[in-house]
Amino acid sequence: MATIIQKPGLPEIKDNTEVKSFLNKRGIEYDHWPVPSTSNSLTDKLTLVDDEKEALLKNLDNRFETLKEKEGYQSRDLIVLHPQVPGLNEMLAKFDKVHYHTDDEVRYIVDGSGIFGFALSGEKFLVKVEKDDFISVPKNTNHWFTLDENKRIKAVRYFQDMSGWVPNYVEETTALV
C-alpha cells in the first residue's frame, strides 16, 4: 500500500483510508487494486518478453475495461523497469524533475515500487507506490517520479491520448522543505 511522505517534522501516512483521503483532497485519485494471484508467475519475473507483457495485460483487462467505460481511456501498455534495463538512469532522468502533462498520468503498479513527488499550491510531498496501488495524476499537476532503492517496477500505463504525455518541465525543486 502507498505511503505519504511529508516534509520533515510531519508524520508519514500509511493507513490506506488516510492515504486515499489525503490524495483525494488534493485532486489525486488513489485506490488499492489487488493484482490477481493468477498473474504472479509474470509479476514475479524480473524481465518479460512481449508475449508475456501482453498476457499480463490481458489478465488485468477488467481494470482497463472499467477505465475505458468510466474515463474514456483508449490504450494501455506495460512498462517493466529493473537495474538491467539499458539506459535506465537516462530514462528516469526525464521524469525526476518537476513537470506536468496535458493528459492524466494513470498508473497501476503490478510489481515493485516507485516514488511520485508532488508540488501543489506550495505543498510538497512524496507518494511511495507499491504493488496493487492505482494512482491517477490529473493533467497539469506538477509532479515528478523516480524509482526507489530497488530500481524495479512493473506498471500498467493508461492513456486517453498519447500526445498529452510529453513532460513539460517547470522551475521547481523536488526538495521537501
N, C-alpha and C. Protein backbone atom coordinates (compact mmCIF):
# COMPACT_ATOMS: atom_id res chain seq x y z
N MET A 1 0.83 -1.19 0.00
CA MET A 1 0.00 0.00 0.00
C MET A 1 0.87 1.25 0.00
N ALA A 2 0.32 2.30 -0.52
CA ALA A 2 1.06 3.55 -0.66
C ALA A 2 1.37 4.17 0.71
N THR A 3 2.44 4.95 0.70
CA THR A 3 2.86 5.71 1.88
C THR A 3 3.05 7.16 1.47
N ILE A 4 2.49 8.09 2.24
CA ILE A 4 2.69 9.52 2.02
C ILE A 4 3.85 9.97 2.89
N ILE A 5 4.84 10.61 2.27
CA ILE A 5 5.99 11.16 3.00
C ILE A 5 5.90 12.68 2.87
N GLN A 6 5.76 13.33 4.00
CA GLN A 6 5.62 14.78 4.03
C GLN A 6 6.94 15.44 4.41
N LYS A 7 6.92 16.76 4.48
CA LYS A 7 8.15 17.48 4.84
C LYS A 7 8.60 17.07 6.24
N PRO A 8 9.90 17.27 6.51
CA PRO A 8 10.42 16.88 7.83
C PRO A 8 9.59 17.46 8.96
N GLY A 9 9.35 16.63 9.97
CA GLY A 9 8.57 17.05 11.12
C GLY A 9 7.12 16.60 11.05
N LEU A 10 6.65 16.22 9.87
CA LEU A 10 5.29 15.72 9.73
C LEU A 10 5.33 14.20 9.59
N PRO A 11 4.34 13.51 10.13
CA PRO A 11 4.37 12.04 10.11
C PRO A 11 4.10 11.46 8.72
N GLU A 12 4.61 10.26 8.50
CA GLU A 12 4.25 9.50 7.30
C GLU A 12 2.81 9.02 7.47
N ILE A 13 2.13 8.88 6.35
CA ILE A 13 0.76 8.37 6.36
C ILE A 13 0.79 7.02 5.66
N LYS A 14 0.38 5.96 6.37
CA LYS A 14 0.44 4.61 5.82
C LYS A 14 -0.91 3.92 5.75
N ASP A 15 -1.86 4.37 6.55
CA ASP A 15 -3.18 3.76 6.56
C ASP A 15 -3.85 4.01 5.20
N ASN A 16 -4.34 2.95 4.57
CA ASN A 16 -4.90 3.04 3.22
C ASN A 16 -6.02 4.08 3.12
N THR A 17 -6.91 4.11 4.09
CA THR A 17 -8.02 5.07 4.07
C THR A 17 -7.50 6.50 4.19
N GLU A 18 -6.50 6.70 5.05
CA GLU A 18 -5.93 8.04 5.22
C GLU A 18 -5.15 8.47 3.99
N VAL A 19 -4.43 7.54 3.35
CA VAL A 19 -3.70 7.85 2.11
C VAL A 19 -4.69 8.30 1.04
N LYS A 20 -5.75 7.53 0.88
CA LYS A 20 -6.76 7.85 -0.14
C LYS A 20 -7.38 9.21 0.13
N SER A 21 -7.72 9.49 1.37
CA SER A 21 -8.31 10.77 1.74
C SER A 21 -7.35 11.93 1.49
N PHE A 22 -6.10 11.77 1.92
CA PHE A 22 -5.07 12.80 1.73
C PHE A 22 -4.94 13.14 0.24
N LEU A 23 -4.83 12.12 -0.59
CA LEU A 23 -4.64 12.36 -2.03
C LEU A 23 -5.90 12.91 -2.69
N ASN A 24 -7.05 12.35 -2.34
CA ASN A 24 -8.30 12.83 -2.94
C ASN A 24 -8.55 14.30 -2.63
N LYS A 25 -8.19 14.75 -1.43
CA LYS A 25 -8.35 16.17 -1.07
C LYS A 25 -7.48 17.06 -1.95
N ARG A 26 -6.45 16.47 -2.55
CA ARG A 26 -5.54 17.23 -3.42
C ARG A 26 -5.79 16.93 -4.89
N GLY A 27 -6.91 16.27 -5.18
CA GLY A 27 -7.31 16.03 -6.57
C GLY A 27 -6.63 14.84 -7.22
N ILE A 28 -5.95 14.02 -6.45
CA ILE A 28 -5.24 12.86 -6.98
C ILE A 28 -6.04 11.61 -6.63
N GLU A 29 -6.40 10.85 -7.65
CA GLU A 29 -7.16 9.63 -7.41
C GLU A 29 -6.20 8.51 -7.00
N TYR A 30 -6.57 7.79 -5.96
CA TYR A 30 -5.78 6.66 -5.48
C TYR A 30 -6.72 5.53 -5.11
N ASP A 31 -6.28 4.32 -5.42
CA ASP A 31 -7.03 3.14 -4.99
C ASP A 31 -6.06 1.99 -4.80
N HIS A 32 -6.55 0.93 -4.24
CA HIS A 32 -5.75 -0.26 -3.98
C HIS A 32 -6.47 -1.41 -4.69
N TRP A 33 -5.88 -1.89 -5.78
CA TRP A 33 -6.47 -2.96 -6.57
C TRP A 33 -5.57 -4.19 -6.49
N PRO A 34 -5.92 -5.20 -5.74
CA PRO A 34 -5.07 -6.39 -5.68
C PRO A 34 -4.87 -7.01 -7.07
N VAL A 35 -3.62 -7.28 -7.40
CA VAL A 35 -3.30 -7.94 -8.66
C VAL A 35 -3.74 -9.41 -8.50
N PRO A 36 -4.48 -9.94 -9.48
CA PRO A 36 -4.92 -11.35 -9.35
C PRO A 36 -3.74 -12.30 -9.16
N SER A 37 -3.89 -13.25 -8.26
CA SER A 37 -2.80 -14.20 -7.99
C SER A 37 -2.44 -15.01 -9.23
N THR A 38 -3.35 -15.10 -10.19
CA THR A 38 -3.06 -15.81 -11.44
C THR A 38 -1.98 -15.11 -12.25
N SER A 39 -1.65 -13.87 -11.88
CA SER A 39 -0.61 -13.11 -12.58
C SER A 39 0.76 -13.24 -11.94
N ASN A 40 0.85 -13.91 -10.78
CA ASN A 40 2.11 -13.95 -10.03
C ASN A 40 3.27 -14.53 -10.83
N SER A 41 3.02 -15.51 -11.69
CA SER A 41 4.12 -16.10 -12.45
C SER A 41 4.76 -15.06 -13.38
N LEU A 42 4.00 -14.04 -13.76
CA LEU A 42 4.52 -12.98 -14.61
C LEU A 42 5.04 -11.79 -13.79
N THR A 43 4.33 -11.42 -12.75
CA THR A 43 4.78 -10.26 -11.96
C THR A 43 6.06 -10.58 -11.20
N ASP A 44 6.27 -11.84 -10.87
CA ASP A 44 7.46 -12.21 -10.11
C ASP A 44 8.74 -12.25 -10.94
N LYS A 45 8.60 -12.27 -12.27
CA LYS A 45 9.78 -12.33 -13.13
C LYS A 45 10.43 -10.94 -13.24
N LEU A 46 11.75 -10.91 -13.33
CA LEU A 46 12.46 -9.63 -13.48
C LEU A 46 12.18 -9.02 -14.85
N THR A 47 12.29 -9.82 -15.88
CA THR A 47 12.07 -9.32 -17.25
C THR A 47 10.90 -10.07 -17.88
N LEU A 48 10.29 -9.44 -18.84
CA LEU A 48 9.20 -10.05 -19.59
C LEU A 48 9.41 -9.81 -21.09
N VAL A 49 9.19 -10.84 -21.88
CA VAL A 49 9.19 -10.66 -23.33
C VAL A 49 7.82 -10.11 -23.72
N ASP A 50 7.69 -9.65 -24.96
CA ASP A 50 6.44 -9.00 -25.39
C ASP A 50 5.21 -9.88 -25.20
N ASP A 51 5.31 -11.18 -25.49
CA ASP A 51 4.16 -12.07 -25.31
C ASP A 51 3.75 -12.16 -23.84
N GLU A 52 4.73 -12.14 -22.94
CA GLU A 52 4.43 -12.19 -21.52
C GLU A 52 3.80 -10.88 -21.05
N LYS A 53 4.28 -9.76 -21.59
CA LYS A 53 3.67 -8.47 -21.25
C LYS A 53 2.20 -8.46 -21.68
N GLU A 54 1.94 -8.93 -22.88
CA GLU A 54 0.56 -8.95 -23.38
C GLU A 54 -0.31 -9.88 -22.54
N ALA A 55 0.24 -11.03 -22.13
CA ALA A 55 -0.51 -11.96 -21.28
C ALA A 55 -0.86 -11.31 -19.94
N LEU A 56 0.08 -10.58 -19.37
CA LEU A 56 -0.18 -9.89 -18.11
C LEU A 56 -1.24 -8.82 -18.29
N LEU A 57 -1.13 -8.05 -19.36
CA LEU A 57 -2.15 -7.03 -19.63
C LEU A 57 -3.53 -7.66 -19.80
N LYS A 58 -3.61 -8.78 -20.47
CA LYS A 58 -4.89 -9.49 -20.65
C LYS A 58 -5.46 -9.91 -19.30
N ASN A 59 -4.58 -10.38 -18.39
CA ASN A 59 -5.04 -10.78 -17.05
C ASN A 59 -5.65 -9.60 -16.29
N LEU A 60 -5.27 -8.38 -16.67
CA LEU A 60 -5.71 -7.17 -15.97
C LEU A 60 -6.74 -6.37 -16.77
N ASP A 61 -7.26 -6.96 -17.84
CA ASP A 61 -8.17 -6.23 -18.73
C ASP A 61 -9.44 -5.75 -18.05
N ASN A 62 -9.88 -6.38 -16.96
CA ASN A 62 -11.09 -5.90 -16.29
C ASN A 62 -10.89 -4.46 -15.81
N ARG A 63 -9.68 -4.12 -15.36
CA ARG A 63 -9.39 -2.75 -14.93
C ARG A 63 -9.41 -1.80 -16.13
N PHE A 64 -8.84 -2.24 -17.25
CA PHE A 64 -8.82 -1.41 -18.45
C PHE A 64 -10.24 -1.17 -18.95
N GLU A 65 -11.06 -2.19 -18.97
CA GLU A 65 -12.44 -2.04 -19.44
C GLU A 65 -13.21 -1.04 -18.57
N THR A 66 -12.99 -1.10 -17.26
CA THR A 66 -13.64 -0.15 -16.35
C THR A 66 -13.19 1.28 -16.65
N LEU A 67 -11.89 1.47 -16.84
CA LEU A 67 -11.36 2.81 -17.14
C LEU A 67 -11.81 3.30 -18.50
N LYS A 68 -11.94 2.42 -19.46
CA LYS A 68 -12.44 2.81 -20.79
C LYS A 68 -13.88 3.33 -20.68
N GLU A 69 -14.70 2.59 -19.95
CA GLU A 69 -16.10 2.99 -19.80
C GLU A 69 -16.25 4.25 -18.96
N LYS A 70 -15.53 4.31 -17.84
CA LYS A 70 -15.68 5.40 -16.88
C LYS A 70 -15.00 6.68 -17.32
N GLU A 71 -13.77 6.57 -17.88
CA GLU A 71 -12.95 7.75 -18.15
C GLU A 71 -12.58 7.93 -19.62
N GLY A 72 -12.94 6.98 -20.48
CA GLY A 72 -12.64 7.12 -21.90
C GLY A 72 -11.21 6.79 -22.29
N TYR A 73 -10.52 5.96 -21.50
CA TYR A 73 -9.16 5.58 -21.87
C TYR A 73 -9.18 4.73 -23.12
N GLN A 74 -8.19 4.95 -23.98
CA GLN A 74 -8.15 4.31 -25.29
C GLN A 74 -7.10 3.21 -25.41
N SER A 75 -6.02 3.34 -24.66
CA SER A 75 -4.94 2.36 -24.81
C SER A 75 -4.23 2.19 -23.47
N ARG A 76 -3.43 1.11 -23.43
CA ARG A 76 -2.64 0.84 -22.23
C ARG A 76 -1.41 0.07 -22.67
N ASP A 77 -0.37 0.16 -21.86
CA ASP A 77 0.81 -0.64 -22.08
C ASP A 77 1.40 -1.00 -20.74
N LEU A 78 2.46 -1.77 -20.76
CA LEU A 78 3.11 -2.21 -19.54
C LEU A 78 4.57 -1.80 -19.61
N ILE A 79 5.00 -1.06 -18.61
CA ILE A 79 6.41 -0.70 -18.53
C ILE A 79 7.07 -1.58 -17.48
N VAL A 80 8.22 -2.13 -17.83
CA VAL A 80 8.96 -3.02 -16.95
C VAL A 80 10.36 -2.44 -16.78
N LEU A 81 10.64 -1.93 -15.59
CA LEU A 81 11.94 -1.33 -15.31
C LEU A 81 12.65 -2.12 -14.22
N HIS A 82 13.96 -2.31 -14.41
CA HIS A 82 14.80 -3.01 -13.45
C HIS A 82 16.24 -2.60 -13.71
N PRO A 83 17.15 -2.91 -12.81
CA PRO A 83 18.53 -2.42 -12.96
C PRO A 83 19.23 -2.82 -14.26
N GLN A 84 18.82 -3.90 -14.91
CA GLN A 84 19.49 -4.34 -16.13
C GLN A 84 18.95 -3.66 -17.40
N VAL A 85 17.95 -2.80 -17.29
CA VAL A 85 17.41 -2.10 -18.47
C VAL A 85 18.48 -1.14 -18.98
N PRO A 86 18.90 -1.28 -20.24
CA PRO A 86 19.91 -0.36 -20.78
C PRO A 86 19.41 1.09 -20.75
N GLY A 87 20.26 2.00 -20.28
CA GLY A 87 19.90 3.41 -20.24
C GLY A 87 18.85 3.77 -19.20
N LEU A 88 18.70 2.93 -18.18
CA LEU A 88 17.68 3.17 -17.16
C LEU A 88 17.82 4.55 -16.52
N ASN A 89 19.02 4.91 -16.11
CA ASN A 89 19.21 6.20 -15.43
C ASN A 89 18.87 7.37 -16.35
N GLU A 90 19.21 7.28 -17.62
CA GLU A 90 18.89 8.35 -18.57
C GLU A 90 17.37 8.45 -18.76
N MET A 91 16.71 7.29 -18.80
CA MET A 91 15.26 7.26 -18.95
C MET A 91 14.60 7.92 -17.74
N LEU A 92 15.05 7.55 -16.55
CA LEU A 92 14.48 8.11 -15.32
C LEU A 92 14.74 9.60 -15.20
N ALA A 93 15.86 10.07 -15.75
CA ALA A 93 16.21 11.49 -15.67
C ALA A 93 15.19 12.37 -16.38
N LYS A 94 14.40 11.81 -17.28
CA LYS A 94 13.37 12.59 -17.97
C LYS A 94 12.20 12.92 -17.05
N PHE A 95 12.06 12.14 -15.98
CA PHE A 95 10.88 12.28 -15.14
C PHE A 95 11.17 12.62 -13.70
N ASP A 96 12.46 12.73 -13.32
CA ASP A 96 12.78 13.02 -11.92
C ASP A 96 12.87 14.51 -11.63
N LYS A 97 12.52 15.34 -12.60
CA LYS A 97 12.41 16.79 -12.41
C LYS A 97 10.93 17.17 -12.40
N VAL A 98 10.61 18.26 -11.75
CA VAL A 98 9.20 18.67 -11.67
C VAL A 98 8.70 18.98 -13.08
N HIS A 99 7.57 18.40 -13.41
CA HIS A 99 6.96 18.57 -14.72
C HIS A 99 5.45 18.34 -14.61
N TYR A 100 4.77 18.56 -15.71
CA TYR A 100 3.34 18.23 -15.79
C TYR A 100 3.08 17.69 -17.19
N HIS A 101 1.93 17.08 -17.37
CA HIS A 101 1.49 16.57 -18.66
C HIS A 101 0.14 17.21 -18.97
N THR A 102 -0.20 17.27 -20.24
CA THR A 102 -1.50 17.81 -20.64
C THR A 102 -2.56 16.72 -20.70
N ASP A 103 -2.23 15.53 -20.24
CA ASP A 103 -3.17 14.43 -20.08
C ASP A 103 -2.92 13.84 -18.70
N ASP A 104 -3.90 13.14 -18.17
CA ASP A 104 -3.72 12.48 -16.88
C ASP A 104 -2.60 11.45 -16.97
N GLU A 105 -1.87 11.26 -15.88
CA GLU A 105 -0.87 10.19 -15.80
C GLU A 105 -1.45 9.13 -14.88
N VAL A 106 -1.81 8.00 -15.47
CA VAL A 106 -2.54 6.96 -14.75
C VAL A 106 -1.70 5.69 -14.71
N ARG A 107 -1.46 5.18 -13.51
CA ARG A 107 -0.60 4.02 -13.32
C ARG A 107 -1.23 3.01 -12.36
N TYR A 108 -1.09 1.75 -12.73
CA TYR A 108 -1.48 0.64 -11.87
C TYR A 108 -0.21 -0.17 -11.64
N ILE A 109 0.28 -0.15 -10.42
CA ILE A 109 1.54 -0.81 -10.10
C ILE A 109 1.24 -2.30 -9.86
N VAL A 110 1.85 -3.15 -10.68
CA VAL A 110 1.59 -4.58 -10.57
C VAL A 110 2.78 -5.35 -9.99
N ASP A 111 3.91 -4.68 -9.81
CA ASP A 111 5.08 -5.26 -9.15
C ASP A 111 6.06 -4.13 -8.84
N GLY A 112 6.84 -4.33 -7.80
CA GLY A 112 7.88 -3.36 -7.47
C GLY A 112 7.32 -2.13 -6.79
N SER A 113 8.09 -1.04 -6.90
CA SER A 113 7.70 0.20 -6.21
C SER A 113 8.42 1.39 -6.83
N GLY A 114 7.87 2.56 -6.57
CA GLY A 114 8.45 3.81 -7.06
C GLY A 114 7.92 4.96 -6.24
N ILE A 115 8.39 6.16 -6.57
CA ILE A 115 8.02 7.33 -5.78
C ILE A 115 7.56 8.46 -6.69
N PHE A 116 6.33 8.90 -6.49
CA PHE A 116 5.81 10.11 -7.12
C PHE A 116 6.03 11.25 -6.13
N GLY A 117 6.48 12.39 -6.63
CA GLY A 117 6.56 13.59 -5.82
C GLY A 117 5.58 14.61 -6.37
N PHE A 118 5.05 15.45 -5.51
CA PHE A 118 4.08 16.46 -5.92
C PHE A 118 4.44 17.82 -5.36
N ALA A 119 4.21 18.85 -6.16
CA ALA A 119 4.36 20.24 -5.75
C ALA A 119 3.04 20.92 -6.07
N LEU A 120 2.20 21.06 -5.04
CA LEU A 120 0.84 21.58 -5.23
C LEU A 120 0.57 22.76 -4.31
N SER A 121 0.34 23.89 -4.86
CA SER A 121 -0.05 25.07 -4.07
C SER A 121 0.86 25.29 -2.87
N GLY A 122 2.16 25.22 -3.08
CA GLY A 122 3.12 25.46 -2.01
C GLY A 122 3.40 24.27 -1.11
N GLU A 123 2.70 23.18 -1.32
CA GLU A 123 2.90 21.97 -0.52
C GLU A 123 3.65 20.94 -1.37
N LYS A 124 4.63 20.27 -0.75
CA LYS A 124 5.35 19.20 -1.43
C LYS A 124 5.26 17.94 -0.57
N PHE A 125 5.08 16.82 -1.25
CA PHE A 125 5.03 15.53 -0.57
C PHE A 125 5.35 14.43 -1.57
N LEU A 126 5.70 13.27 -1.03
CA LEU A 126 6.00 12.10 -1.83
C LEU A 126 4.94 11.04 -1.60
N VAL A 127 4.72 10.22 -2.63
CA VAL A 127 3.84 9.07 -2.51
C VAL A 127 4.63 7.86 -2.99
N LYS A 128 4.98 6.99 -2.04
CA LYS A 128 5.65 5.75 -2.42
C LYS A 128 4.55 4.75 -2.80
N VAL A 129 4.57 4.33 -4.06
CA VAL A 129 3.59 3.37 -4.55
C VAL A 129 4.23 1.99 -4.65
N GLU A 130 3.40 0.98 -4.42
CA GLU A 130 3.85 -0.41 -4.43
C GLU A 130 2.83 -1.25 -5.18
N LYS A 131 3.14 -2.54 -5.29
CA LYS A 131 2.23 -3.48 -5.95
C LYS A 131 0.81 -3.30 -5.42
N ASP A 132 -0.14 -3.30 -6.32
CA ASP A 132 -1.58 -3.17 -6.05
C ASP A 132 -2.05 -1.72 -5.96
N ASP A 133 -1.17 -0.74 -6.07
CA ASP A 133 -1.58 0.66 -5.99
C ASP A 133 -1.97 1.19 -7.37
N PHE A 134 -3.07 1.93 -7.40
CA PHE A 134 -3.54 2.63 -8.60
C PHE A 134 -3.50 4.12 -8.28
N ILE A 135 -2.88 4.91 -9.16
CA ILE A 135 -2.80 6.35 -8.94
C ILE A 135 -3.07 7.06 -10.26
N SER A 136 -3.85 8.13 -10.18
CA SER A 136 -4.14 8.94 -11.34
C SER A 136 -3.79 10.39 -11.02
N VAL A 137 -2.73 10.87 -11.68
CA VAL A 137 -2.26 12.24 -11.51
C VAL A 137 -2.99 13.10 -12.54
N PRO A 138 -3.80 14.06 -12.10
CA PRO A 138 -4.55 14.87 -13.06
C PRO A 138 -3.64 15.67 -14.00
N LYS A 139 -4.12 15.89 -15.20
CA LYS A 139 -3.36 16.71 -16.15
C LYS A 139 -3.04 18.05 -15.52
N ASN A 140 -1.91 18.62 -15.95
CA ASN A 140 -1.43 19.93 -15.48
C ASN A 140 -1.08 19.96 -13.99
N THR A 141 -0.78 18.80 -13.40
CA THR A 141 -0.38 18.72 -12.00
C THR A 141 1.14 18.60 -11.93
N ASN A 142 1.79 19.50 -11.21
CA ASN A 142 3.25 19.45 -11.06
C ASN A 142 3.65 18.25 -10.22
N HIS A 143 4.50 17.41 -10.80
CA HIS A 143 4.93 16.19 -10.12
C HIS A 143 6.25 15.72 -10.70
N TRP A 144 6.81 14.68 -10.10
CA TRP A 144 7.99 14.01 -10.62
C TRP A 144 7.89 12.54 -10.21
N PHE A 145 8.74 11.71 -10.81
CA PHE A 145 8.73 10.29 -10.50
C PHE A 145 10.15 9.74 -10.52
N THR A 146 10.41 8.82 -9.62
CA THR A 146 11.68 8.10 -9.63
C THR A 146 11.45 6.72 -9.04
N LEU A 147 12.36 5.85 -9.30
CA LEU A 147 12.32 4.54 -8.66
C LEU A 147 12.95 4.65 -7.28
N ASP A 148 12.59 3.74 -6.40
CA ASP A 148 13.22 3.71 -5.08
C ASP A 148 14.51 2.91 -5.16
N GLU A 149 15.08 2.58 -4.02
CA GLU A 149 16.38 1.91 -3.98
C GLU A 149 16.40 0.55 -4.67
N ASN A 150 15.23 -0.08 -4.84
CA ASN A 150 15.17 -1.39 -5.51
C ASN A 150 15.27 -1.28 -7.04
N LYS A 151 14.98 -0.10 -7.55
CA LYS A 151 15.03 0.16 -9.00
C LYS A 151 14.29 -0.91 -9.80
N ARG A 152 13.08 -1.22 -9.36
CA ARG A 152 12.28 -2.25 -10.03
C ARG A 152 10.81 -1.88 -9.93
N ILE A 153 10.15 -1.88 -11.09
CA ILE A 153 8.70 -1.64 -11.11
C ILE A 153 8.12 -2.22 -12.40
N LYS A 154 6.90 -2.70 -12.27
CA LYS A 154 6.07 -3.05 -13.43
C LYS A 154 4.79 -2.25 -13.23
N ALA A 155 4.44 -1.46 -14.23
CA ALA A 155 3.26 -0.62 -14.11
C ALA A 155 2.49 -0.60 -15.42
N VAL A 156 1.18 -0.73 -15.30
CA VAL A 156 0.32 -0.54 -16.46
C VAL A 156 0.09 0.95 -16.59
N ARG A 157 0.31 1.47 -17.80
CA ARG A 157 0.08 2.88 -18.08
C ARG A 157 -1.17 2.97 -18.95
N TYR A 158 -2.09 3.83 -18.55
CA TYR A 158 -3.34 4.01 -19.29
C TYR A 158 -3.34 5.39 -19.95
N PHE A 159 -3.82 5.44 -21.19
CA PHE A 159 -3.77 6.68 -21.96
C PHE A 159 -5.11 6.99 -22.60
N GLN A 160 -5.47 8.27 -22.55
CA GLN A 160 -6.58 8.77 -23.36
C GLN A 160 -6.04 9.25 -24.69
N ASP A 161 -4.87 9.87 -24.64
CA ASP A 161 -4.24 10.44 -25.83
C ASP A 161 -2.73 10.45 -25.60
N MET A 162 -1.99 9.67 -26.35
CA MET A 162 -0.54 9.56 -26.14
C MET A 162 0.18 10.90 -26.29
N SER A 163 -0.35 11.81 -27.11
CA SER A 163 0.36 13.08 -27.35
C SER A 163 0.40 13.95 -26.10
N GLY A 164 -0.50 13.73 -25.14
CA GLY A 164 -0.54 14.54 -23.94
C GLY A 164 0.40 14.07 -22.85
N TRP A 165 1.24 13.10 -23.19
CA TRP A 165 2.09 12.52 -22.16
C TRP A 165 3.52 13.04 -22.18
N VAL A 166 3.79 14.03 -22.98
CA VAL A 166 5.12 14.64 -23.04
C VAL A 166 5.32 15.45 -21.76
N PRO A 167 6.50 15.33 -21.09
CA PRO A 167 6.72 16.13 -19.88
C PRO A 167 6.99 17.60 -20.22
N ASN A 168 6.31 18.48 -19.52
CA ASN A 168 6.52 19.93 -19.62
C ASN A 168 7.17 20.35 -18.31
N TYR A 169 8.45 20.72 -18.37
CA TYR A 169 9.22 21.00 -17.16
C TYR A 169 8.92 22.38 -16.60
N VAL A 170 8.97 22.47 -15.27
CA VAL A 170 8.78 23.75 -14.57
C VAL A 170 9.97 23.98 -13.65
N GLU A 171 10.23 25.23 -13.37
CA GLU A 171 11.33 25.59 -12.46
C GLU A 171 10.85 25.42 -11.02
N GLU A 172 11.18 24.29 -10.46
CA GLU A 172 10.74 23.95 -9.09
C GLU A 172 11.70 22.88 -8.59
N THR A 173 12.04 22.95 -7.34
CA THR A 173 12.91 21.94 -6.74
C THR A 173 12.07 20.77 -6.24
N THR A 174 12.67 19.60 -6.18
CA THR A 174 11.99 18.43 -5.65
C THR A 174 12.18 18.26 -4.14
N ALA A 175 12.93 19.16 -3.52
CA ALA A 175 13.20 19.05 -2.09
C ALA A 175 11.93 19.27 -1.26
N LEU A 176 11.73 18.44 -0.28
CA LEU A 176 10.61 18.60 0.65
C LEU A 176 11.04 19.52 1.78
N VAL A 177 10.62 20.76 1.72
CA VAL A 177 11.00 21.72 2.76
C VAL A 177 9.79 22.44 3.29
